[in-house]
Amino acid sequence: MNLEITQENLYLILPCKVSRVTQIYAHEHHVTIIEAMRRFYRSETYKLLADESTKYWHYGPVALYQEWMEEMGLQQ
């Protein structure tokens, strides 16, 4: 069994990461999960997360959320 994360199998772990980041955002910014997901999928942070070479997939949801907030100029 190959346990290496590659660009070809990265999609398997993205939904869990996206789900938790958008839950945090929705709660903090009083928007729906759907709206939070729309915003996150359009972000540069998501593009970096979806690119295996950046290794953003190593980040936990809080770190990803912080990266996203920094991108948007909403550092907390």
N, C-alpha and C. Protein backbone atom coordinates (compact mmCIF):
# COMPACT_ATOMS: atom_id res chain seq x y z
N MET A 1 0.84 -1.17 0.00
CA MET A 1 0.00 0.00 0.00
C MET A 1 0.89 1.25 0.00
N ASN A 2 0.61 2.15 -0.92
CA ASN A 2 1.35 3.40 -1.03
C ASN A 2 0.66 4.48 -0.18
N LEU A 3 1.36 4.99 0.83
CA LEU A 3 0.78 6.00 1.72
C LEU A 3 1.28 7.41 1.42
N GLU A 4 2.00 7.57 0.33
CA GLU A 4 2.55 8.86 -0.04
C GLU A 4 1.45 9.77 -0.59
N ILE A 5 1.46 11.04 -0.16
CA ILE A 5 0.53 12.03 -0.70
C ILE A 5 1.15 12.61 -1.96
N THR A 6 0.38 12.54 -3.04
CA THR A 6 0.80 13.09 -4.32
C THR A 6 -0.29 14.00 -4.84
N GLN A 7 -0.01 14.73 -5.92
CA GLN A 7 -1.04 15.58 -6.52
C GLN A 7 -2.23 14.74 -6.99
N GLU A 8 -1.97 13.50 -7.36
CA GLU A 8 -3.04 12.63 -7.87
C GLU A 8 -3.98 12.14 -6.77
N ASN A 9 -3.52 12.06 -5.52
CA ASN A 9 -4.41 11.57 -4.47
C ASN A 9 -4.70 12.62 -3.39
N LEU A 10 -4.19 13.81 -3.55
CA LEU A 10 -4.42 14.88 -2.58
C LEU A 10 -5.91 15.16 -2.40
N TYR A 11 -6.68 15.01 -3.44
CA TYR A 11 -8.12 15.29 -3.39
C TYR A 11 -8.83 14.48 -2.31
N LEU A 12 -8.23 13.39 -1.88
CA LEU A 12 -8.86 12.55 -0.86
C LEU A 12 -8.88 13.19 0.52
N ILE A 13 -7.92 14.04 0.81
CA ILE A 13 -7.88 14.66 2.14
C ILE A 13 -8.41 16.10 2.16
N LEU A 14 -8.63 16.69 1.00
CA LEU A 14 -9.07 18.08 0.96
C LEU A 14 -10.45 18.31 1.57
N PRO A 15 -11.44 17.46 1.35
CA PRO A 15 -12.77 17.75 1.92
C PRO A 15 -12.77 17.91 3.43
N CYS A 16 -12.01 17.10 4.13
CA CYS A 16 -11.93 17.20 5.58
C CYS A 16 -11.32 18.53 6.00
N LYS A 17 -10.25 18.92 5.34
CA LYS A 17 -9.58 20.19 5.64
C LYS A 17 -10.51 21.37 5.37
N VAL A 18 -11.13 21.37 4.20
CA VAL A 18 -12.03 22.45 3.80
C VAL A 18 -13.21 22.53 4.76
N SER A 19 -13.76 21.41 5.12
CA SER A 19 -14.91 21.38 6.01
C SER A 19 -14.62 22.06 7.34
N ARG A 20 -13.53 21.73 7.95
CA ARG A 20 -13.23 22.30 9.27
C ARG A 20 -12.88 23.79 9.18
N VAL A 21 -12.12 24.17 8.17
CA VAL A 21 -11.77 25.60 8.00
C VAL A 21 -13.03 26.42 7.79
N THR A 22 -13.92 25.94 6.97
CA THR A 22 -15.14 26.70 6.68
C THR A 22 -16.11 26.70 7.86
N GLN A 23 -16.09 25.67 8.68
CA GLN A 23 -16.90 25.68 9.90
C GLN A 23 -16.43 26.80 10.83
N ILE A 24 -15.12 26.91 10.98
CA ILE A 24 -14.56 27.97 11.83
C ILE A 24 -14.96 29.34 11.28
N TYR A 25 -14.78 29.52 9.96
CA TYR A 25 -15.11 30.79 9.33
C TYR A 25 -16.59 31.13 9.49
N ALA A 26 -17.45 30.16 9.22
CA ALA A 26 -18.90 30.39 9.31
C ALA A 26 -19.28 30.82 10.72
N HIS A 27 -18.71 30.18 11.70
CA HIS A 27 -19.01 30.52 13.09
C HIS A 27 -18.49 31.93 13.44
N GLU A 28 -17.27 32.22 13.07
CA GLU A 28 -16.65 33.51 13.41
C GLU A 28 -17.26 34.69 12.66
N HIS A 29 -17.74 34.44 11.43
CA HIS A 29 -18.20 35.55 10.58
C HIS A 29 -19.71 35.51 10.34
N HIS A 30 -20.41 34.62 11.02
CA HIS A 30 -21.87 34.56 10.97
C HIS A 30 -22.42 34.45 9.55
N VAL A 31 -21.85 33.51 8.81
CA VAL A 31 -22.35 33.19 7.47
C VAL A 31 -22.67 31.70 7.43
N THR A 32 -23.37 31.28 6.40
CA THR A 32 -23.68 29.86 6.27
C THR A 32 -22.43 29.08 5.86
N ILE A 33 -22.47 27.79 6.11
CA ILE A 33 -21.37 26.92 5.69
C ILE A 33 -21.19 27.00 4.17
N ILE A 34 -22.28 27.02 3.44
CA ILE A 34 -22.21 27.09 1.98
C ILE A 34 -21.50 28.37 1.54
N GLU A 35 -21.85 29.49 2.14
CA GLU A 35 -21.18 30.75 1.79
C GLU A 35 -19.71 30.72 2.18
N ALA A 36 -19.41 30.16 3.34
CA ALA A 36 -18.02 30.03 3.77
C ALA A 36 -17.22 29.19 2.78
N MET A 37 -17.82 28.10 2.31
CA MET A 37 -17.15 27.23 1.33
C MET A 37 -16.92 27.98 0.02
N ARG A 38 -17.91 28.71 -0.43
CA ARG A 38 -17.75 29.49 -1.67
C ARG A 38 -16.56 30.43 -1.55
N ARG A 39 -16.49 31.11 -0.44
CA ARG A 39 -15.40 32.06 -0.23
C ARG A 39 -14.04 31.35 -0.16
N PHE A 40 -14.00 30.24 0.57
CA PHE A 40 -12.72 29.54 0.71
C PHE A 40 -12.25 28.96 -0.61
N TYR A 41 -13.16 28.34 -1.38
CA TYR A 41 -12.76 27.75 -2.66
C TYR A 41 -12.24 28.79 -3.64
N ARG A 42 -12.63 30.06 -3.47
CA ARG A 42 -12.14 31.13 -4.34
C ARG A 42 -10.83 31.75 -3.85
N SER A 43 -10.37 31.33 -2.69
CA SER A 43 -9.21 31.98 -2.07
C SER A 43 -7.88 31.44 -2.59
N GLU A 44 -6.88 32.26 -2.42
CA GLU A 44 -5.51 31.85 -2.74
C GLU A 44 -5.06 30.75 -1.78
N THR A 45 -5.54 30.80 -0.55
CA THR A 45 -5.19 29.76 0.43
C THR A 45 -5.65 28.40 -0.05
N TYR A 46 -6.86 28.32 -0.60
CA TYR A 46 -7.33 27.04 -1.12
C TYR A 46 -6.46 26.59 -2.30
N LYS A 47 -6.11 27.51 -3.17
CA LYS A 47 -5.26 27.14 -4.31
C LYS A 47 -3.94 26.55 -3.83
N LEU A 48 -3.38 27.15 -2.78
CA LEU A 48 -2.13 26.62 -2.22
C LEU A 48 -2.36 25.26 -1.57
N LEU A 49 -3.48 25.11 -0.88
CA LEU A 49 -3.81 23.83 -0.25
C LEU A 49 -3.97 22.73 -1.30
N ALA A 50 -4.56 23.05 -2.42
CA ALA A 50 -4.82 22.07 -3.47
C ALA A 50 -3.59 21.74 -4.31
N ASP A 51 -2.50 22.44 -4.06
CA ASP A 51 -1.25 22.18 -4.78
C ASP A 51 -0.32 21.41 -3.84
N GLU A 52 -0.11 20.16 -4.11
CA GLU A 52 0.67 19.29 -3.22
C GLU A 52 2.06 19.83 -2.96
N SER A 53 2.66 20.50 -3.93
CA SER A 53 4.04 20.97 -3.78
C SER A 53 4.21 22.03 -2.69
N THR A 54 3.14 22.71 -2.30
CA THR A 54 3.22 23.72 -1.24
C THR A 54 3.24 23.09 0.15
N LYS A 55 2.79 21.85 0.23
CA LYS A 55 2.70 21.12 1.51
C LYS A 55 1.72 21.76 2.50
N TYR A 56 0.81 22.59 2.01
CA TYR A 56 -0.21 23.17 2.90
C TYR A 56 -1.10 22.08 3.49
N TRP A 57 -1.16 20.94 2.85
CA TRP A 57 -1.99 19.85 3.38
C TRP A 57 -1.47 19.37 4.72
N HIS A 58 -0.25 19.71 5.08
CA HIS A 58 0.29 19.39 6.41
C HIS A 58 -0.36 20.25 7.50
N TYR A 59 -0.87 21.41 7.13
CA TYR A 59 -1.43 22.34 8.12
C TYR A 59 -2.73 21.81 8.69
N GLY A 60 -2.95 22.09 9.94
CA GLY A 60 -4.22 21.79 10.57
C GLY A 60 -5.24 22.86 10.22
N PRO A 61 -6.50 22.66 10.60
CA PRO A 61 -7.54 23.62 10.24
C PRO A 61 -7.33 25.02 10.81
N VAL A 62 -6.81 25.12 12.02
CA VAL A 62 -6.59 26.44 12.61
C VAL A 62 -5.50 27.19 11.86
N ALA A 63 -4.43 26.52 11.52
CA ALA A 63 -3.36 27.17 10.76
C ALA A 63 -3.84 27.59 9.38
N LEU A 64 -4.63 26.75 8.73
CA LEU A 64 -5.18 27.11 7.42
C LEU A 64 -6.12 28.31 7.55
N TYR A 65 -6.93 28.31 8.58
CA TYR A 65 -7.83 29.43 8.82
C TYR A 65 -7.04 30.71 9.02
N GLN A 66 -5.97 30.65 9.80
CA GLN A 66 -5.14 31.83 10.03
C GLN A 66 -4.49 32.32 8.74
N GLU A 67 -4.03 31.40 7.92
CA GLU A 67 -3.46 31.77 6.62
C GLU A 67 -4.50 32.50 5.77
N TRP A 68 -5.70 31.98 5.77
CA TRP A 68 -6.79 32.56 4.98
C TRP A 68 -7.13 33.95 5.49
N MET A 69 -7.19 34.10 6.81
CA MET A 69 -7.50 35.42 7.38
C MET A 69 -6.40 36.41 7.05
N GLU A 70 -5.15 35.99 7.08
CA GLU A 70 -4.05 36.87 6.70
C GLU A 70 -4.17 37.29 5.24
N GLU A 71 -4.54 36.32 4.40
CA GLU A 71 -4.74 36.63 2.98
C GLU A 71 -5.80 37.70 2.80
N MET A 72 -6.86 37.62 3.58
CA MET A 72 -7.97 38.56 3.46
C MET A 72 -7.74 39.85 4.26
N GLY A 73 -6.60 39.92 4.94
CA GLY A 73 -6.32 41.11 5.74
C GLY A 73 -7.10 41.16 7.04
N LEU A 74 -7.54 40.00 7.51
CA LEU A 74 -8.33 39.93 8.74
C LEU A 74 -7.57 39.16 9.82
N GLN A 75 -6.32 39.47 9.98
CA GLN A 75 -5.50 38.74 10.96
C GLN A 75 -6.13 38.85 12.34
N GLN A 76 -6.08 37.71 13.05
CA GLN A 76 -6.68 37.68 14.38
C GLN A 76 -5.67 37.38 15.42
